[in-house]
Amino acid sequence: MPLIKIRDLHFNRGDKVIFEGVNIDIYRGKITAIMGPSGTGKTTLLRLIGGQLRPDKGTIEVDGQNVHELSHSGLYELRKRMGMLFQSGALLTDINVFDNVAFPIREHTKLPEYIIRDLVIMKLQSVGLRCARDLMPGELSGGMARRVALARAMALDPMMIMYDEPFTGQDPISKGTLVNLIHRVNKAMGLTSIVVSHDVAEASEIADHIYLLSGGKVIEQGSPVQIKRSSSLWTQQFMQGLPDGPVPFHYPGIDFADDLLASEVSV
């Protein structure tokens, strides 16, 4: 059974349609990539799953619970079982690496400090930064900050982790490290992972299943191999980064020649 079931999801921002009848299944123990051009609502989808936003229509079930029918306390408990790696890392800048990872454990448990210390060291060891625990966030590289944020996302041993553009702004080595970590952590901890990204190569490398979103709908879904072999011109344009295809280069409007003639007439 899917861990997350999204059915007939509709969501608008003012007059702009973000989702229009979207159906998505996120299966347990798998890595699912949500991909599509910028502005298609990928991050918005994570906020809907986490209950930060409410759909205009449709349902989102997480582990059998309708997210938007939960009480405040019920939603709070569900969120403790979700890890989140924000695009910026979102580390607390006034405390060091150790305390950043310890923060959710101290906030949500009553464990003694000596146990918290061991847990934090184990999480940092898993991302290769155990010996960086005394550094401040401002002393970290971008890749190191993402790895600390991943350790914090794992702190409470969640059932799932959502990754919001984890590869953005990373150099090739940092990207490779994050790809390896996401895959290894998912397998070792038996997690369910959702990776929101427009980095085709990295997301395709680790994903078990891919959903391509555009225009408020699921354009295509399947395994990386199925997506690669798709006959859809839109899919091929996106996956190969082609400048020409169903997605136009020019913003829609009046014909170029007519536009030039109009300017001459006005003069």
Protein backbone atom coordinates (compact mmCIF):
# COMPACT_ATOMS: atom_id res chain seq x y z
CA MET A 1 0.00 0.00 0.00
CA PRO A 2 1.19 3.54 -0.66
CA LEU A 3 2.37 5.55 2.34
CA ILE A 4 0.93 8.68 0.69
CA LYS A 5 -2.20 8.73 -1.47
CA ILE A 6 -3.12 11.95 -3.27
CA ARG A 7 -6.48 11.93 -5.02
CA ASP A 8 -8.08 14.56 -7.28
CA LEU A 9 -5.94 17.33 -5.81
CA HIS A 10 -6.96 20.87 -6.77
CA PHE A 11 -5.15 23.95 -5.48
CA ASN A 12 -5.16 27.55 -6.66
CA ARG A 13 -3.23 30.66 -5.68
CA GLY A 14 -5.65 33.45 -6.47
CA ASP A 15 -6.53 33.07 -10.14
CA LYS A 16 -3.52 30.85 -10.87
CA VAL A 17 -4.18 27.10 -11.07
CA ILE A 18 -1.38 25.13 -9.37
CA PHE A 19 -2.95 21.64 -9.34
CA GLU A 20 -5.96 20.47 -11.28
CA GLY A 21 -7.00 16.89 -10.53
CA VAL A 22 -3.60 15.45 -9.56
CA ASN A 23 -3.34 11.79 -8.45
CA ILE A 24 -0.07 10.55 -6.94
CA ASP A 25 0.97 7.45 -4.97
CA ILE A 26 4.16 7.47 -2.87
CA TYR A 27 5.11 3.89 -2.02
CA ARG A 28 6.70 2.75 1.22
CA GLY A 29 10.43 2.22 1.21
CA LYS A 30 10.86 3.85 -2.20
CA ILE A 31 12.41 7.07 -3.47
CA THR A 32 9.90 9.05 -5.52
CA ALA A 33 11.04 12.05 -7.55
CA ILE A 34 8.65 14.92 -8.26
CA MET A 35 10.01 16.81 -11.25
CA GLY A 36 8.94 19.55 -13.59
CA PRO A 37 9.81 23.09 -14.72
CA SER A 38 10.17 25.91 -12.20
CA GLY A 39 6.87 27.26 -10.94
CA THR A 40 4.87 24.05 -11.38
CA GLY A 41 4.11 23.66 -7.67
CA LYS A 42 6.64 21.04 -6.60
CA THR A 43 7.44 22.72 -3.27
CA THR A 44 3.75 23.57 -2.84
CA LEU A 45 3.01 19.84 -3.05
CA LEU A 46 5.34 19.18 -0.09
CA ARG A 47 3.56 21.88 1.93
CA LEU A 48 0.20 20.30 1.13
CA ILE A 49 1.48 16.89 2.25
CA GLY A 50 2.78 18.42 5.49
CA GLY A 51 -0.50 20.20 6.17
CA GLN A 52 0.90 23.73 5.88
CA LEU A 53 -1.53 24.40 3.04
CA ARG A 54 -5.07 23.13 2.46
CA PRO A 55 -6.29 21.87 -0.93
CA ASP A 56 -9.28 23.48 -2.57
CA LYS A 57 -10.51 20.01 -3.46
CA GLY A 58 -9.34 16.41 -3.10
CA THR A 59 -7.60 14.43 -0.38
CA ILE A 60 -4.09 13.71 0.83
CA GLU A 61 -3.66 10.63 3.03
CA VAL A 62 -0.42 9.95 4.87
CA ASP A 63 -0.13 6.53 6.51
CA GLY A 64 -3.91 6.15 6.32
CA GLN A 65 -4.69 9.56 7.83
CA ASN A 66 -6.40 12.36 5.93
CA VAL A 67 -3.95 15.18 6.62
CA HIS A 68 -6.48 17.98 6.36
CA GLU A 69 -9.06 16.36 8.65
CA LEU A 70 -6.61 15.97 11.54
CA SER A 71 -6.88 18.06 14.68
CA HIS A 72 -4.07 20.46 15.53
CA SER A 73 -2.54 17.93 17.94
CA GLY A 74 -3.01 15.08 15.45
CA LEU A 75 -1.22 17.00 12.73
CA TYR A 76 1.57 17.86 15.17
CA GLU A 77 2.06 14.16 15.96
CA LEU A 78 2.07 13.22 12.27
CA ARG A 79 4.65 15.88 11.46
CA LYS A 80 7.01 14.40 14.05
CA ARG A 81 7.15 11.33 11.81
CA MET A 82 8.13 13.41 8.77
CA GLY A 83 11.63 14.68 8.13
CA MET A 84 12.20 17.71 5.91
CA LEU A 85 15.33 18.86 4.13
CA PHE A 86 14.71 22.46 3.09
CA GLN A 87 16.24 23.92 -0.06
CA SER A 88 18.29 26.41 1.96
CA GLY A 89 19.16 23.90 4.69
CA ALA A 90 17.44 26.24 7.19
CA LEU A 91 19.99 25.67 9.93
CA LEU A 92 19.67 27.78 13.08
CA THR A 93 22.53 30.22 12.67
CA ASP A 94 23.18 31.03 16.35
CA ILE A 95 23.92 27.47 17.48
CA ASN A 96 26.55 25.00 16.34
CA VAL A 97 26.17 21.85 14.23
CA PHE A 98 25.69 19.57 17.23
CA ASP A 99 22.91 21.68 18.72
CA ASN A 100 21.18 22.01 15.35
CA VAL A 101 20.86 18.24 15.08
CA ALA A 102 19.98 17.90 18.77
CA PHE A 103 17.26 20.55 18.57
CA PRO A 104 14.33 18.33 17.42
CA ILE A 105 15.31 15.60 19.88
CA ARG A 106 15.33 18.06 22.79
CA GLU A 107 12.10 19.63 21.55
CA HIS A 108 10.10 16.43 21.15
CA THR A 109 11.54 13.98 23.69
CA LYS A 110 12.57 13.87 27.32
CA LEU A 111 15.73 11.89 26.73
CA PRO A 112 18.72 12.62 28.98
CA GLU A 113 21.60 14.57 27.51
CA TYR A 114 24.01 11.63 27.44
CA ILE A 115 21.63 9.69 25.17
CA ILE A 116 21.01 12.78 23.02
CA ARG A 117 24.77 13.15 22.63
CA ASP A 118 25.13 9.59 21.34
CA LEU A 119 22.19 9.96 18.96
CA VAL A 120 23.53 13.21 17.51
CA ILE A 121 27.00 11.79 17.03
CA MET A 122 25.54 8.76 15.24
CA LYS A 123 23.46 10.95 12.91
CA LEU A 124 26.45 13.16 12.12
CA GLN A 125 28.63 10.09 11.55
CA SER A 126 26.10 8.83 8.98
CA VAL A 127 26.53 12.03 6.93
CA GLY A 128 30.30 12.18 7.41
CA LEU A 129 30.36 15.24 9.69
CA ARG A 130 30.87 13.85 13.20
CA CYS A 131 34.07 15.80 13.62
CA ALA A 132 32.44 19.04 12.45
CA ARG A 133 29.98 19.07 15.35
CA ASP A 134 31.49 22.16 17.00
CA LEU A 135 31.41 24.32 13.86
CA MET A 136 28.88 27.11 13.41
CA PRO A 137 26.61 27.13 10.33
CA GLY A 138 28.49 30.14 8.94
CA GLU A 139 31.67 28.04 8.85
CA LEU A 140 30.12 25.35 6.65
CA SER A 141 30.20 25.03 2.88
CA GLY A 142 26.88 24.73 1.07
CA GLY A 143 27.27 20.98 0.71
CA MET A 144 28.19 20.52 4.38
CA ALA A 145 25.16 22.59 5.44
CA ARG A 146 22.84 20.30 3.44
CA ARG A 147 24.40 17.24 5.07
CA VAL A 148 23.90 18.71 8.55
CA ALA A 149 20.31 19.48 7.60
CA LEU A 150 19.90 15.85 6.52
CA ALA A 151 21.26 14.65 9.87
CA ARG A 152 18.71 16.91 11.60
CA ALA A 153 15.91 15.58 9.36
CA MET A 154 16.82 12.06 10.50
CA ALA A 155 17.10 12.97 14.18
CA LEU A 156 13.73 11.54 15.24
CA ASP A 157 13.98 8.46 12.98
CA PRO A 158 11.03 9.52 10.79
CA MET A 159 9.02 7.23 8.53
CA MET A 160 9.66 9.56 5.58
CA ILE A 161 11.86 12.44 4.48
CA MET A 162 10.91 15.14 1.99
CA TYR A 163 13.76 16.79 0.08
CA ASP A 164 13.10 20.22 -1.42
CA GLU A 165 15.57 20.82 -4.28
CA PRO A 166 18.49 19.18 -2.43
CA PHE A 167 20.92 19.54 -5.36
CA THR A 168 20.38 23.23 -6.16
CA GLY A 169 23.55 25.31 -6.00
CA GLN A 170 25.82 22.35 -5.27
CA ASP A 171 29.11 21.59 -7.00
CA PRO A 172 29.47 18.19 -8.73
CA ILE A 173 31.19 16.55 -5.76
CA SER A 174 28.56 17.81 -3.31
CA LYS A 175 25.80 16.65 -5.63
CA GLY A 176 27.35 13.20 -5.87
CA THR A 177 27.70 13.05 -2.09
CA LEU A 178 24.05 14.00 -1.56
CA VAL A 179 22.84 11.49 -4.15
CA ASN A 180 24.78 8.75 -2.40
CA LEU A 181 23.55 9.84 1.05
CA ILE A 182 19.88 9.98 0.07
CA HIS A 183 20.06 6.51 -1.47
CA ARG A 184 22.06 5.01 1.39
CA VAL A 185 19.96 6.58 4.15
CA ASN A 186 16.70 5.51 2.52
CA LYS A 187 17.88 1.90 2.28
CA ALA A 188 19.55 1.70 5.69
CA MET A 189 16.65 3.24 7.62
CA GLY A 190 13.82 1.77 5.55
CA LEU A 191 12.55 5.25 4.78
CA THR A 192 10.14 6.58 2.20
CA SER A 193 11.65 9.55 0.39
CA ILE A 194 10.17 12.29 -1.79
CA VAL A 195 12.73 14.24 -3.81
CA VAL A 196 11.50 17.45 -5.41
CA SER A 197 13.97 18.51 -8.06
CA HIS A 198 14.54 19.76 -11.59
CA ASP A 199 18.04 18.25 -11.66
CA VAL A 200 17.28 15.47 -14.13
CA ALA A 201 20.48 13.41 -13.89
CA GLU A 202 20.70 13.33 -10.10
CA ALA A 203 17.02 12.67 -9.45
CA SER A 204 16.85 9.97 -12.12
CA GLU A 205 19.88 8.23 -10.65
CA ILE A 206 18.28 7.56 -7.26
CA ALA A 207 14.53 7.52 -7.97
CA ASP A 208 12.49 4.34 -8.06
CA HIS A 209 9.58 6.25 -9.57
CA ILE A 210 9.24 9.67 -11.21
CA TYR A 211 6.25 12.00 -11.57
CA LEU A 212 6.53 14.83 -14.11
CA LEU A 213 4.29 17.82 -13.36
CA SER A 214 3.33 20.71 -15.61
CA GLY A 215 0.29 22.91 -16.08
CA GLY A 216 -1.35 21.64 -12.91
CA LYS A 217 -1.34 18.00 -14.02
CA VAL A 218 0.76 14.86 -13.99
CA ILE A 219 2.20 14.78 -17.50
CA GLU A 220 3.88 11.41 -17.11
CA GLN A 221 4.94 8.89 -14.50
CA GLY A 222 7.03 5.75 -14.39
CA SER A 223 10.43 4.34 -13.58
CA PRO A 224 13.50 6.28 -14.78
CA VAL A 225 13.86 3.78 -17.64
CA GLN A 226 10.22 4.21 -18.69
CA ILE A 227 10.50 7.99 -18.54
CA LYS A 228 13.69 7.93 -20.61
CA ARG A 229 11.98 5.82 -23.30
CA SER A 230 8.80 7.92 -23.35
CA SER A 231 7.39 8.92 -26.73
CA SER A 232 6.02 12.18 -25.26
CA LEU A 233 7.64 15.20 -26.90
CA TRP A 234 7.13 17.22 -23.71
CA THR A 235 8.85 14.55 -21.61
CA GLN A 236 11.79 14.32 -23.98
CA GLN A 237 12.17 18.10 -24.06
CA PHE A 238 12.26 18.31 -20.28
CA MET A 239 14.46 15.28 -19.62
CA GLN A 240 17.00 16.28 -22.29
CA GLY A 241 16.85 20.03 -21.67
CA LEU A 242 15.95 20.82 -25.28
CA PRO A 243 15.29 24.51 -26.10
CA ASP A 244 12.68 23.68 -28.75
CA GLY A 245 9.57 21.60 -28.25
CA PRO A 246 6.07 21.78 -26.76
CA VAL A 247 7.31 24.25 -24.14
CA PRO A 248 7.84 27.44 -26.20
CA PHE A 249 10.88 29.68 -25.91
CA HIS A 250 8.85 32.89 -26.34
CA TYR A 251 6.31 34.15 -23.84
CA PRO A 252 2.88 34.00 -25.55
CA GLY A 253 1.49 37.20 -27.09
CA ILE A 254 0.90 38.96 -30.38
CA ASP A 255 2.91 38.07 -33.47
CA PHE A 256 6.39 39.64 -33.63
CA ALA A 257 5.81 41.29 -37.02
CA ASP A 258 2.47 42.71 -35.90
CA ASP A 259 4.14 44.05 -32.77
CA LEU A 260 6.77 45.87 -34.85
CA LEU A 261 4.15 47.28 -37.21
CA ALA A 262 2.13 48.53 -34.27
CA SER A 263 5.11 50.48 -32.98
CA GLU A 264 5.67 52.06 -36.41
CA VAL A 265 2.01 53.11 -36.63
CA SER A 266 2.13 54.71 -33.20
CA VAL A 267 5.14 56.80 -34.25
